[in-house]
Amino acid sequence: QDYKNNKVLMVAYMNREALEKTVDTGKTHFYSRSRGELWFKGETSGFTQSVKGIYVDCDMDCLLIKVAQKGGACHKGYKSCFYRKVSKETIEIIGKKVFNPKKVYRKSNIKNQISK
């Protein structure tokens, strides 16, 4: 969540190691269950999240992390992953792109193709 305006930026999974690394570094780290590995937000794009506060819910099974977001949080180019609004008839794009993902992720895509 953006610490200044309280807008939700993204939802991601953390295991204990990701939380410890986030607390230790002050930058968000998450765990990819599909890849089975830890990842650092902004590692590829440079769009990091500086932690301003970590809050836990009443059941102690969910975290809210308030961050200062550098650039966009969404890998599709938007500030927030919640850039679409659902209505009865349509899904409307309500966010504005803040970066071009093809340019930002181009280097990592080339690296991945070479390593295959």
PDB file of N, CA and C in Angstrom:
ATOM      1  N   GLN A   1       0.844  -1.170   0.000  1.00  0.00           N
ATOM      2  CA  GLN A   1       0.000   0.000   0.000  1.00  0.00           C
ATOM      3  C   GLN A   1       0.892   1.236   0.000  1.00  0.00           C
ATOM      4  N   ASP A   2       0.507   2.233  -0.799  1.00  0.00           N
ATOM      5  CA  ASP A   2       1.256   3.485  -0.845  1.00  0.00           C
ATOM      6  C   ASP A   2       1.103   4.207   0.496  1.00  0.00           C
ATOM      7  N   TYR A   3       2.215   4.527   1.123  1.00  0.00           N
ATOM      8  CA  TYR A   3       2.156   5.120   2.468  1.00  0.00           C
ATOM      9  C   TYR A   3       1.616   6.546   2.467  1.00  0.00           C
ATOM     10  N   LYS A   4       1.659   7.234   1.320  1.00  0.00           N
ATOM     11  CA  LYS A   4       1.175   8.614   1.275  1.00  0.00           C
ATOM     12  C   LYS A   4      -0.329   8.701   1.019  1.00  0.00           C
ATOM     13  N   ASN A   5      -0.831   7.936   0.033  1.00  0.00           N
ATOM     14  CA  ASN A   5      -2.243   8.073  -0.340  1.00  0.00           C
ATOM     15  C   ASN A   5      -3.095   6.843  -0.015  1.00  0.00           C
ATOM     16  N   ASN A   6      -2.491   5.816   0.575  1.00  0.00           N
ATOM     17  CA  ASN A   6      -3.176   4.584   0.986  1.00  0.00           C
ATOM     18  C   ASN A   6      -3.755   3.765  -0.165  1.00  0.00           C
ATOM     19  N   LYS A   7      -3.336   4.017  -1.391  1.00  0.00           N
ATOM     20  CA  LYS A   7      -3.810   3.206  -2.520  1.00  0.00           C
ATOM     21  C   LYS A   7      -3.126   1.844  -2.495  1.00  0.00           C
ATOM     22  N   VAL A   8      -3.907   0.814  -2.788  1.00  0.00           N
ATOM     23  CA  VAL A   8      -3.353  -0.538  -2.852  1.00  0.00           C
ATOM     24  C   VAL A   8      -2.510  -0.646  -4.117  1.00  0.00           C
ATOM     25  N   LEU A   9      -1.279  -1.097  -3.966  1.00  0.00           N
ATOM     26  CA  LEU A   9      -0.370  -1.219  -5.105  1.00  0.00           C
ATOM     27  C   LEU A   9      -0.349  -2.632  -5.673  1.00  0.00           C
ATOM     28  N   MET A  10      -0.320  -3.621  -4.803  1.00  0.00           N
ATOM     29  CA  MET A  10      -0.219  -5.009  -5.248  1.00  0.00           C
ATOM     30  C   MET A  10      -0.541  -5.944  -4.093  1.00  0.00           C
ATOM     31  N   VAL A  11      -0.709  -7.209  -4.425  1.00  0.00           N
ATOM     32  CA  VAL A  11      -0.858  -8.268  -3.430  1.00  0.00           C
ATOM     33  C   VAL A  11       0.162  -9.335  -3.792  1.00  0.00           C
ATOM     34  N   ALA A  12       0.930  -9.779  -2.822  1.00  0.00           N
ATOM     35  CA  ALA A  12       1.951 -10.801  -3.090  1.00  0.00           C
ATOM     36  C   ALA A  12       2.131 -11.673  -1.854  1.00  0.00           C
ATOM     37  N   TYR A  13       2.739 -12.820  -2.057  1.00  0.00           N
ATOM     38  CA  TYR A  13       2.933 -13.806  -0.995  1.00  0.00           C
ATOM     39  C   TYR A  13       4.317 -13.656  -0.374  1.00  0.00           C
ATOM     40  N   MET A  14       4.353 -13.777   0.944  1.00  0.00           N
ATOM     41  CA  MET A  14       5.622 -13.778   1.679  1.00  0.00           C
ATOM     42  C   MET A  14       5.705 -15.040   2.518  1.00  0.00           C
ATOM     43  N   ASN A  15       6.865 -15.644   2.532  1.00  0.00           N
ATOM     44  CA  ASN A  15       7.128 -16.685   3.522  1.00  0.00           C
ATOM     45  C   ASN A  15       7.972 -16.038   4.627  1.00  0.00           C
ATOM     46  N   ARG A  16       8.369 -16.811   5.617  1.00  0.00           N
ATOM     47  CA  ARG A  16       9.133 -16.258   6.747  1.00  0.00           C
ATOM     48  C   ARG A  16      10.439 -15.606   6.268  1.00  0.00           C
ATOM     49  N   GLU A  17      11.141 -16.272   5.347  1.00  0.00           N
ATOM     50  CA  GLU A  17      12.416 -15.744   4.853  1.00  0.00           C
ATOM     51  C   GLU A  17      12.225 -14.404   4.146  1.00  0.00           C
ATOM     52  N   ALA A  18      11.162 -14.288   3.346  1.00  0.00           N
ATOM     53  CA  ALA A  18      10.884 -13.025   2.649  1.00  0.00           C
ATOM     54  C   ALA A  18      10.589 -11.910   3.645  1.00  0.00           C
ATOM     55  N   LEU A  19       9.831 -12.226   4.686  1.00  0.00           N
ATOM     56  CA  LEU A  19       9.526 -11.224   5.713  1.00  0.00           C
ATOM     57  C   LEU A  19      10.795 -10.799   6.445  1.00  0.00           C
ATOM     58  N   GLU A  20      11.620 -11.761   6.821  1.00  0.00           N
ATOM     59  CA  GLU A  20      12.869 -11.433   7.518  1.00  0.00           C
ATOM     60  C   GLU A  20      13.761 -10.548   6.659  1.00  0.00           C
ATOM     61  N   LYS A  21      13.858 -10.876   5.380  1.00  0.00           N
ATOM     62  CA  LYS A  21      14.696 -10.090   4.469  1.00  0.00           C
ATOM     63  C   LYS A  21      14.120  -8.679   4.294  1.00  0.00           C
ATOM     64  N   THR A  22      12.799  -8.578   4.234  1.00  0.00           N
ATOM     65  CA  THR A  22      12.131  -7.277   4.126  1.00  0.00           C
ATOM     66  C   THR A  22      12.418  -6.424   5.362  1.00  0.00           C
ATOM     67  N   VAL A  23      12.288  -7.014   6.535  1.00  0.00           N
ATOM     68  CA  VAL A  23      12.551  -6.295   7.791  1.00  0.00           C
ATOM     69  C   VAL A  23      14.023  -5.886   7.865  1.00  0.00           C
ATOM     70  N   ASP A  24      14.929  -6.792   7.512  1.00  0.00           N
ATOM     71  CA  ASP A  24      16.373  -6.520   7.591  1.00  0.00           C
ATOM     72  C   ASP A  24      16.835  -5.444   6.620  1.00  0.00           C
ATOM     73  N   THR A  25      16.284  -5.436   5.388  1.00  0.00           N
ATOM     74  CA  THR A  25      16.773  -4.528   4.344  1.00  0.00           C
ATOM     75  C   THR A  25      15.961  -3.251   4.194  1.00  0.00           C
ATOM     76  N   GLY A  26      14.706  -3.270   4.652  1.00  0.00           N
ATOM     77  CA  GLY A  26      13.840  -2.113   4.441  1.00  0.00           C
ATOM     78  C   GLY A  26      13.297  -2.037   3.028  1.00  0.00           C
ATOM     79  N   LYS A  27      13.502  -3.079   2.238  1.00  0.00           N
ATOM     80  CA  LYS A  27      12.979  -3.195   0.863  1.00  0.00           C
ATOM     81  C   LYS A  27      12.142  -4.470   0.793  1.00  0.00           C
ATOM     82  N   THR A  28      11.062  -4.448   0.011  1.00  0.00           N
ATOM     83  CA  THR A  28      10.179  -5.614  -0.013  1.00  0.00           C
ATOM     84  C   THR A  28      10.773  -6.779  -0.790  1.00  0.00           C
ATOM     85  N   HIS A  29      10.615  -7.947  -0.195  1.00  0.00           N
ATOM     86  CA  HIS A  29      10.988  -9.232  -0.796  1.00  0.00           C
ATOM     87  C   HIS A  29       9.770 -10.140  -0.684  1.00  0.00           C
ATOM     88  N   PHE A  30       9.583 -10.992  -1.659  1.00  0.00           N
ATOM     89  CA  PHE A  30       8.429 -11.883  -1.674  1.00  0.00           C
ATOM     90  C   PHE A  30       8.883 -13.287  -2.038  1.00  0.00           C
ATOM     91  N   TYR A  31       7.960 -14.232  -1.922  1.00  0.00           N
ATOM     92  CA  TYR A  31       8.270 -15.612  -2.278  1.00  0.00           C
ATOM     93  C   TYR A  31       7.343 -16.039  -3.403  1.00  0.00           C
ATOM     94  N   SER A  32       7.928 -16.516  -4.494  1.00  0.00           N
ATOM     95  CA  SER A  32       7.149 -17.029  -5.621  1.00  0.00           C
ATOM     96  C   SER A  32       6.892 -18.511  -5.396  1.00  0.00           C
ATOM     97  N   ARG A  33       5.638 -18.853  -5.177  1.00  0.00           N
ATOM     98  CA  ARG A  33       5.292 -20.262  -4.978  1.00  0.00           C
ATOM     99  C   ARG A  33       5.417 -21.038  -6.280  1.00  0.00           C
ATOM    100  N   SER A  34       5.167 -20.400  -7.415  1.00  0.00           N
ATOM    101  CA  SER A  34       5.272 -21.106  -8.700  1.00  0.00           C
ATOM    102  C   SER A  34       6.724 -21.388  -9.074  1.00  0.00           C
ATOM    103  N   ARG A  35       7.623 -20.449  -8.775  1.00  0.00           N
ATOM    104  CA  ARG A  35       9.046 -20.653  -9.091  1.00  0.00           C
ATOM    105  C   ARG A  35       9.816 -21.258  -7.924  1.00  0.00           C
ATOM    106  N   GLY A  36       9.220 -21.230  -6.738  1.00  0.00           N
ATOM    107  CA  GLY A  36       9.871 -21.775  -5.557  1.00  0.00           C
ATOM    108  C   GLY A  36      11.101 -20.996  -5.137  1.00  0.00           C
ATOM    109  N   GLU A  37      11.018 -19.646  -5.259  1.00  0.00           N
ATOM    110  CA  GLU A  37      12.186 -18.835  -4.906  1.00  0.00           C
ATOM    111  C   GLU A  37      11.788 -17.466  -4.382  1.00  0.00           C
ATOM    112  N   LEU A  38      12.703 -16.886  -3.632  1.00  0.00           N
ATOM    113  CA  LEU A  38      12.565 -15.537  -3.115  1.00  0.00           C
ATOM    114  C   LEU A  38      12.796 -14.548  -4.250  1.00  0.00           C
ATOM    115  N   TRP A  39      12.082 -13.430  -4.240  1.00  0.00           N
ATOM    116  CA  TRP A  39      12.355 -12.379  -5.214  1.00  0.00           C
ATOM    117  C   TRP A  39      12.266 -11.011  -4.551  1.00  0.00           C
ATOM    118  N   PHE A  40      13.086 -10.111  -5.065  1.00  0.00           N
ATOM    119  CA  PHE A  40      13.209  -8.746  -4.557  1.00  0.00           C
ATOM    120  C   PHE A  40      12.428  -7.825  -5.477  1.00  0.00           C
ATOM    121  N   LYS A  41      11.458  -7.091  -4.956  1.00  0.00           N
ATOM    122  CA  LYS A  41      10.640  -6.192  -5.766  1.00  0.00           C
ATOM    123  C   LYS A  41      11.523  -5.096  -6.348  1.00  0.00           C
ATOM    124  N   GLY A  42      11.577  -5.050  -7.676  1.00  0.00           N
ATOM    125  CA  GLY A  42      12.396  -4.063  -8.365  1.00  0.00           C
ATOM    126  C   GLY A  42      13.719  -4.610  -8.849  1.00  0.00           C
ATOM    127  N   GLU A  43      13.971  -5.884  -8.616  1.00  0.00           N
ATOM    128  CA  GLU A  43      15.241  -6.500  -9.022  1.00  0.00           C
ATOM    129  C   GLU A  43      15.492  -6.340 -10.524  1.00  0.00           C
ATOM    130  N   THR A  44      14.459  -6.526 -11.332  1.00  0.00           N
ATOM    131  CA  THR A  44      14.594  -6.402 -12.786  1.00  0.00           C
ATOM    132  C   THR A  44      14.309  -4.985 -13.255  1.00  0.00           C
ATOM    133  N   SER A  45      13.226  -4.390 -12.753  1.00  0.00           N
ATOM    134  CA  SER A  45      12.764  -3.087 -13.244  1.00  0.00           C
ATOM    135  C   SER A  45      13.477  -1.905 -12.607  1.00  0.00           C
ATOM    136  N   GLY A  46      13.970  -2.088 -11.395  1.00  0.00           N
ATOM    137  CA  GLY A  46      14.523  -0.960 -10.644  1.00  0.00           C
ATOM    138  C   GLY A  46      13.463  -0.224  -9.842  1.00  0.00           C
ATOM    139  N   PHE A  47      12.200  -0.634  -9.979  1.00  0.00           N
ATOM    140  CA  PHE A  47      11.089   0.020  -9.286  1.00  0.00           C
ATOM    141  C   PHE A  47      10.878  -0.634  -7.921  1.00  0.00           C
ATOM    142  N   THR A  48      11.675  -0.202  -6.973  1.00  0.00           N
ATOM    143  CA  THR A  48      11.701  -0.809  -5.645  1.00  0.00           C
ATOM    144  C   THR A  48      10.642  -0.214  -4.722  1.00  0.00           C
ATOM    145  N   GLN A  49      10.449  -0.891  -3.600  1.00  0.00           N
ATOM    146  CA  GLN A  49       9.535  -0.430  -2.563  1.00  0.00           C
ATOM    147  C   GLN A  49      10.312  -0.275  -1.261  1.00  0.00           C
ATOM    148  N   SER A  50      10.358   0.955  -0.752  1.00  0.00           N
ATOM    149  CA  SER A  50      10.993   1.221   0.542  1.00  0.00           C
ATOM    150  C   SER A  50       9.935   1.119   1.629  1.00  0.00           C
ATOM    151  N   VAL A  51      10.180   0.258   2.589  1.00  0.00           N
ATOM    152  CA  VAL A  51       9.202  -0.018   3.641  1.00  0.00           C
ATOM    153  C   VAL A  51       9.099   1.160   4.613  1.00  0.00           C
ATOM    154  N   LYS A  52       7.863   1.598   4.843  1.00  0.00           N
ATOM    155  CA  LYS A  52       7.583   2.667   5.803  1.00  0.00           C
ATOM    156  C   LYS A  52       6.911   2.128   7.056  1.00  0.00           C
ATOM    157  N   GLY A  53       6.277   0.963   6.945  1.00  0.00           N
ATOM    158  CA  GLY A  53       5.628   0.347   8.102  1.00  0.00           C
ATOM    159  C   GLY A  53       5.078  -1.015   7.737  1.00  0.00           C
ATOM    160  N   ILE A  54       5.121  -1.939   8.697  1.00  0.00           N
ATOM    161  CA  ILE A  54       4.567  -3.280   8.497  1.00  0.00           C
ATOM    162  C   ILE A  54       3.532  -3.507   9.589  1.00  0.00           C
ATOM    163  N   TYR A  55       2.324  -3.861   9.182  1.00  0.00           N
ATOM    164  CA  TYR A  55       1.204  -4.057  10.101  1.00  0.00           C
ATOM    165  C   TYR A  55       0.676  -5.479   9.940  1.00  0.00           C
ATOM    166  N   VAL A  56       0.199  -6.065  11.030  1.00  0.00           N
ATOM    167  CA  VAL A  56      -0.338  -7.423  10.995  1.00  0.00           C
ATOM    168  C   VAL A  56      -1.804  -7.385  11.437  1.00  0.00           C
ATOM    169  N   ASP A  57      -2.639  -8.246  10.839  1.00  0.00           N
ATOM    170  CA  ASP A  57      -4.065  -8.255  11.176  1.00  0.00           C
ATOM    171  C   ASP A  57      -4.331  -8.973  12.501  1.00  0.00           C
ATOM    172  N   CYS A  58      -5.587  -8.965  12.926  1.00  0.00           N
ATOM    173  CA  CYS A  58      -5.972  -9.509  14.236  1.00  0.00           C
ATOM    174  C   CYS A  58      -5.724 -11.009  14.367  1.00  0.00           C
ATOM    175  N   ASP A  59      -5.764 -11.748  13.264  1.00  0.00           N
ATOM    176  CA  ASP A  59      -5.491 -13.192  13.300  1.00  0.00           C
ATOM    177  C   ASP A  59      -4.012 -13.512  13.111  1.00  0.00           C
ATOM    178  N   MET A  60      -3.229 -12.486  12.876  1.00  0.00           N
ATOM    179  CA  MET A  60      -1.785 -12.617  12.630  1.00  0.00           C
ATOM    180  C   MET A  60      -1.473 -13.557  11.464  1.00  0.00           C
ATOM    181  N   ASP A  61      -2.313 -13.456  10.404  1.00  0.00           N
ATOM    182  CA  ASP A  61      -2.068 -14.276   9.218  1.00  0.00           C
ATOM    183  C   ASP A  61      -2.051 -13.457   7.925  1.00  0.00           C
ATOM    184  N   CYS A  62      -2.008 -12.134   8.080  1.00  0.00           N
ATOM    185  CA  CYS A  62      -1.984 -11.256   6.909  1.00  0.00           C
ATOM    186  C   CYS A  62      -1.214  -9.982   7.268  1.00  0.00           C
ATOM    187  N   LEU A  63      -0.380  -9.535   6.338  1.00  0.00           N
ATOM    188  CA  LEU A  63       0.401  -8.315   6.547  1.00  0.00           C
ATOM    189  C   LEU A  63      -0.065  -7.209   5.615  1.00  0.00           C
ATOM    190  N   LEU A  64       0.039  -5.994   6.089  1.00  0.00           N
ATOM    191  CA  LEU A  64      -0.134  -4.809   5.261  1.00  0.00           C
ATOM    192  C   LEU A  64       1.198  -4.076   5.338  1.00  0.00           C
ATOM    193  N   ILE A  65       1.821  -3.884   4.191  1.00  0.00           N
ATOM    194  CA  ILE A  65       3.113  -3.198   4.174  1.00  0.00           C
ATOM    195  C   ILE A  65       2.934  -1.863   3.466  1.00  0.00           C
ATOM    196  N   LYS A  66       3.178  -0.800   4.196  1.00  0.00           N
ATOM    197  CA  LYS A  66       3.112   0.540   3.607  1.00  0.00           C
ATOM    198  C   LYS A  66       4.493   0.868   3.066  1.00  0.00           C
ATOM    199  N   VAL A  67       4.510   1.332   1.809  1.00  0.00           N
ATOM    200  CA  VAL A  67       5.782   1.545   1.120  1.00  0.00           C
ATOM    201  C   VAL A  67       5.817   2.874   0.385  1.00  0.00           C
ATOM    202  N   ALA A  68       7.037   3.325   0.116  1.00  0.00           N
ATOM    203  CA  ALA A  68       7.277   4.392  -0.849  1.00  0.00           C
ATOM    204  C   ALA A  68       7.648   3.660  -2.133  1.00  0.00           C
ATOM    205  N   GLN A  69       6.779   3.749  -3.123  1.00  0.00           N
ATOM    206  CA  GLN A  69       6.969   3.031  -4.379  1.00  0.00           C
ATOM    207  C   GLN A  69       7.760   3.888  -5.353  1.00  0.00           C
ATOM    208  N   LYS A  70       8.856   3.349  -5.837  1.00  0.00           N
ATOM    209  CA  LYS A  70       9.619   4.009  -6.896  1.00  0.00           C
ATOM    210  C   LYS A  70       9.081   3.478  -8.221  1.00  0.00           C
ATOM    211  N   GLY A  71       8.581   4.358  -9.092  1.00  0.00           N
ATOM    212  CA  GLY A  71       8.021   3.916 -10.375  1.00  0.00           C
ATOM    213  C   GLY A  71       6.724   3.156 -10.170  1.00  0.00           C
ATOM    214  N   GLY A  72       6.467   2.205 -11.054  1.00  0.00           N
ATOM    215  CA  GLY A  72       5.235   1.428 -10.981  1.00  0.00           C
ATOM    216  C   GLY A  72       5.413   0.129 -10.222  1.00  0.00           C
ATOM    217  N   ALA A  73       4.349  -0.300  -9.549  1.00  0.00           N
ATOM    218  CA  ALA A  73       4.373  -1.582  -8.839  1.00  0.00           C
ATOM    219  C   ALA A  73       3.972  -2.732  -9.757  1.00  0.00           C
ATOM    220  N   CYS A  74       3.207  -2.427 -10.793  1.00  0.00           N
ATOM    221  CA  CYS A  74       2.650  -3.461 -11.675  1.00  0.00           C
ATOM    222  C   CYS A  74       3.580  -3.746 -12.854  1.00  0.00           C
ATOM    223  N   HIS A  75       3.807  -5.024 -13.124  1.00  0.00           N
ATOM    224  CA  HIS A  75       4.689  -5.400 -14.238  1.00  0.00           C
ATOM    225  C   HIS A  75       4.075  -5.095 -15.603  1.00  0.00           C
ATOM    226  N   LYS A  76       2.803  -4.675 -15.623  1.00  0.00           N
ATOM    227  CA  LYS A  76       2.139  -4.291 -16.879  1.00  0.00           C
ATOM    228  C   LYS A  76       2.344  -2.806 -17.186  1.00  0.00           C
ATOM    229  N   GLY A  77       3.031  -2.081 -16.286  1.00  0.00           N
ATOM    230  CA  GLY A  77       3.357  -0.684 -16.544  1.00  0.00           C
ATOM    231  C   GLY A  77       2.583   0.336 -15.731  1.00  0.00           C
ATOM    232  N   TYR A  78       1.737  -0.123 -14.838  1.00  0.00           N
ATOM    233  CA  TYR A  78       0.903   0.779 -14.048  1.00  0.00           C
ATOM    234  C   TYR A  78       1.469   0.974 -12.641  1.00  0.00           C
ATOM    235  N   LYS A  79       1.073   2.075 -12.016  1.00  0.00           N
ATOM    236  CA  LYS A  79       1.491   2.347 -10.633  1.00  0.00           C
ATOM    237  C   LYS A  79       0.973   1.248  -9.702  1.00  0.00           C
ATOM    238  N   SER A  80      -0.271   0.820  -9.924  1.00  0.00           N
ATOM    239  CA  SER A  80      -0.913  -0.212  -9.107  1.00  0.00           C
ATOM    240  C   SER A  80      -1.335  -1.388  -9.981  1.00  0.00           C
ATOM    241  N   CYS A  81      -1.314  -2.569  -9.421  1.00  0.00           N
ATOM    242  CA  CYS A  81      -1.828  -3.749 -10.133  1.00  0.00           C
ATOM    243  C   CYS A  81      -3.348  -3.681 -10.277  1.00  0.00           C
ATOM    244  N   PHE A  82      -3.987  -2.804  -9.526  1.00  0.00           N
ATOM    245  CA  PHE A  82      -5.438  -2.653  -9.560  1.00  0.00           C
ATOM    246  C   PHE A  82      -5.815  -1.458 -10.441  1.00  0.00           C
ATOM    247  N   TYR A  83      -5.494  -1.564 -11.728  1.00  0.00           N
ATOM    248  CA  TYR A  83      -5.719  -0.476 -12.680  1.00  0.00           C
ATOM    249  C   TYR A  83      -6.988  -0.675 -13.505  1.00  0.00           C
ATOM    250  N   ARG A  84      -7.761  -1.730 -13.224  1.00  0.00           N
ATOM    251  CA  ARG A  84      -9.007  -1.993 -13.949  1.00  0.00           C
ATOM    252  C   ARG A  84     -10.175  -2.016 -12.970  1.00  0.00           C
ATOM    253  N   LYS A  85     -11.306  -1.465 -13.417  1.00  0.00           N
ATOM    254  CA  LYS A  85     -12.508  -1.418 -12.586  1.00  0.00           C
ATOM    255  C   LYS A  85     -13.596  -2.265 -13.247  1.00  0.00           C
ATOM    256  N   VAL A  86     -14.193  -3.150 -12.467  1.00  0.00           N
ATOM    257  CA  VAL A  86     -15.241  -4.037 -12.969  1.00  0.00           C
ATOM    258  C   VAL A  86     -16.607  -3.405 -12.728  1.00  0.00           C
ATOM    259  N   SER A  87     -17.427  -3.384 -13.777  1.00  0.00           N
ATOM    260  CA  SER A  87     -18.821  -2.957 -13.631  1.00  0.00           C
ATOM    261  C   SER A  87     -19.704  -4.063 -14.211  1.00  0.00           C
ATOM    262  N   LYS A  88     -20.990  -3.845 -14.220  1.00  0.00           N
ATOM    263  CA  LYS A  88     -21.934  -4.855 -14.701  1.00  0.00           C
ATOM    264  C   LYS A  88     -21.664  -5.237 -16.157  1.00  0.00           C
ATOM    265  N   GLU A  89     -21.306  -4.283 -16.965  1.00  0.00           N
ATOM    266  CA  GLU A  89     -21.149  -4.494 -18.410  1.00  0.00           C
ATOM    267  C   GLU A  89     -19.701  -4.659 -18.872  1.00  0.00           C
ATOM    268  N   THR A  90     -18.769  -4.024 -18.198  1.00  0.00           N
ATOM    269  CA  THR A  90     -17.403  -3.951 -18.737  1.00  0.00           C
ATOM    270  C   THR A  90     -16.338  -4.041 -17.646  1.00  0.00           C
ATOM    271  N   ILE A  91     -15.128  -4.151 -18.132  1.00  0.00           N
ATOM    272  CA  ILE A  91     -13.953  -3.950 -17.288  1.00  0.00           C
ATOM    273  C   ILE A  91     -13.234  -2.753 -17.898  1.00  0.00           C
ATOM    274  N   GLU A  92     -13.154  -1.692 -17.122  1.00  0.00           N
ATOM    275  CA  GLU A  92     -12.620  -0.424 -17.613  1.00  0.00           C
ATOM    276  C   GLU A  92     -11.218  -0.186 -17.055  1.00  0.00           C
ATOM    277  N   ILE A  93     -10.311   0.240 -17.926  1.00  0.00           N
ATOM    278  CA  ILE A  93      -8.974   0.624 -17.464  1.00  0.00           C
ATOM    279  C   ILE A  93      -9.072   2.025 -16.879  1.00  0.00           C
ATOM    280  N   ILE A  94      -8.739   2.130 -15.599  1.00  0.00           N
ATOM    281  CA  ILE A  94      -8.842   3.424 -14.919  1.00  0.00           C
ATOM    282  C   ILE A  94      -7.476   4.001 -14.564  1.00  0.00           C
ATOM    283  N   GLY A  95      -6.425   3.178 -14.670  1.00  0.00           N
ATOM    284  CA  GLY A  95      -5.080   3.647 -14.361  1.00  0.00           C
ATOM    285  C   GLY A  95      -4.366   4.147 -15.605  1.00  0.00           C
ATOM    286  N   LYS A  96      -3.319   4.893 -15.377  1.00  0.00           N
ATOM    287  CA  LYS A  96      -2.473   5.365 -16.476  1.00  0.00           C
ATOM    288  C   LYS A  96      -1.119   4.685 -16.352  1.00  0.00           C
ATOM    289  N   LYS A  97      -0.583   4.283 -17.502  1.00  0.00           N
ATOM    290  CA  LYS A  97       0.737   3.642 -17.486  1.00  0.00           C
ATOM    291  C   LYS A  97       1.791   4.654 -17.049  1.00  0.00           C
ATOM    292  N   VAL A  98       2.732   4.176 -16.236  1.00  0.00           N
ATOM    293  CA  VAL A  98       3.824   5.033 -15.784  1.00  0.00           C
ATOM    294  C   VAL A  98       5.158   4.595 -16.383  1.00  0.00           C
ATOM    295  N   PHE A  99       5.167   3.428 -17.046  1.00  0.00           N
ATOM    296  CA  PHE A  99       6.357   2.983 -17.769  1.00  0.00           C
ATOM    297  C   PHE A  99       5.963   1.973 -18.834  1.00  0.00           C
ATOM    298  N   ASN A 100       6.868   1.783 -19.790  1.00  0.00           N
ATOM    299  CA  ASN A 100       6.654   0.822 -20.874  1.00  0.00           C
ATOM    300  C   ASN A 100       7.321  -0.496 -20.489  1.00  0.00           C
ATOM    301  N   PRO A 101       6.534  -1.540 -20.198  1.00  0.00           N
ATOM    302  CA  PRO A 101       7.125  -2.800 -19.754  1.00  0.00           C
ATOM    303  C   PRO A 101       8.043  -3.451 -20.792  1.00  0.00           C
ATOM    304  N   LYS A 102       7.782  -3.229 -22.074  1.00  0.00           N
ATOM    305  CA  LYS A 102       8.642  -3.819 -23.112  1.00  0.00           C
ATOM    306  C   LYS A 102      10.060  -3.265 -23.026  1.00  0.00           C
ATOM    307  N   LYS A 103      10.176  -1.993 -22.695  1.00  0.00           N
ATOM    308  CA  LYS A 103      11.508  -1.381 -22.558  1.00  0.00           C
ATOM    309  C   LYS A 103      12.170  -1.779 -21.243  1.00  0.00           C
ATOM    310  N   VAL A 104      11.391  -1.791 -20.175  1.00  0.00           N
ATOM    311  CA  VAL A 104      11.934  -2.074 -18.843  1.00  0.00           C
ATOM    312  C   VAL A 104      12.386  -3.521 -18.716  1.00  0.00           C
ATOM    313  N   TYR A 105      11.581  -4.446 -19.234  1.00  0.00           N
ATOM    314  CA  TYR A 105      11.890  -5.863 -19.064  1.00  0.00           C
ATOM    315  C   TYR A 105      12.620  -6.459 -20.261  1.00  0.00           C
ATOM    316  N   ARG A 106      12.993  -5.639 -21.221  1.00  0.00           N
ATOM    317  CA  ARG A 106      13.671  -6.112 -22.435  1.00  0.00           C
ATOM    318  C   ARG A 106      14.969  -6.842 -22.105  1.00  0.00           C
ATOM    319  N   LYS A 107      15.800  -6.256 -21.243  1.00  0.00           N
ATOM    320  CA  LYS A 107      17.095  -6.864 -20.894  1.00  0.00           C
ATOM    321  C   LYS A 107      16.918  -8.235 -20.260  1.00  0.00           C
ATOM    322  N   SER A 108      15.971  -8.343 -19.336  1.00  0.00           N
ATOM    323  CA  SER A 108      15.788  -9.634 -18.663  1.00  0.00           C
ATOM    324  C   SER A 108      15.222 -10.670 -19.624  1.00  0.00           C
ATOM    325  N   ASN A 109      14.385 -10.246 -20.582  1.00  0.00           N
ATOM    326  CA  ASN A 109      13.855 -11.183 -21.574  1.00  0.00           C
ATOM    327  C   ASN A 109      14.961 -11.707 -22.469  1.00  0.00           C
ATOM    328  N   ILE A 110      15.879 -10.839 -22.873  1.00  0.00           N
ATOM    329  CA  ILE A 110      17.015 -11.254 -23.700  1.00  0.00           C
ATOM    330  C   ILE A 110      17.893 -12.213 -22.915  1.00  0.00           C
ATOM    331  N   LYS A 111      18.158 -11.887 -21.645  1.00  0.00           N
ATOM    332  CA  LYS A 111      18.967 -12.756 -20.785  1.00  0.00           C
ATOM    333  C   LYS A 111      18.340 -14.142 -20.655  1.00  0.00           C
ATOM    334  N   ASN A 112      17.016 -14.192 -20.461  1.00  0.00           N
ATOM    335  CA  ASN A 112      16.314 -15.470 -20.312  1.00  0.00           C
ATOM    336  C   ASN A 112      16.373 -16.287 -21.596  1.00  0.00           C
ATOM    337  N   GLN A 113      16.263 -15.637 -22.748  1.00  0.00           N
ATOM    338  CA  GLN A 113      16.310 -16.347 -24.025  1.00  0.00           C
ATOM    339  C   GLN A 113      17.700 -16.910 -24.278  1.00  0.00           C
ATOM    340  N   ILE A 114      18.727 -16.176 -23.908  1.00  0.00           N
ATOM    341  CA  ILE A 114      20.109 -16.626 -24.109  1.00  0.00           C
ATOM    342  C   ILE A 114      20.414 -17.819 -23.217  1.00  0.00           C
ATOM    343  N   SER A 115      19.905 -17.806 -21.986  1.00  0.00           N
ATOM    344  CA  SER A 115      20.222 -18.887 -21.046  1.00  0.00           C
ATOM    345  C   SER A 115      19.453 -20.178 -21.322  1.00  0.00           C
ATOM    346  N   LYS A 116      18.476 -20.146 -22.224  1.00  0.00           N
ATOM    347  CA  LYS A 116      17.697 -21.361 -22.532  1.00  0.00           C
ATOM    348  C   LYS A 116      18.414 -22.252 -23.512  1.00  0.00           C
TER     349      LYS A 116
END
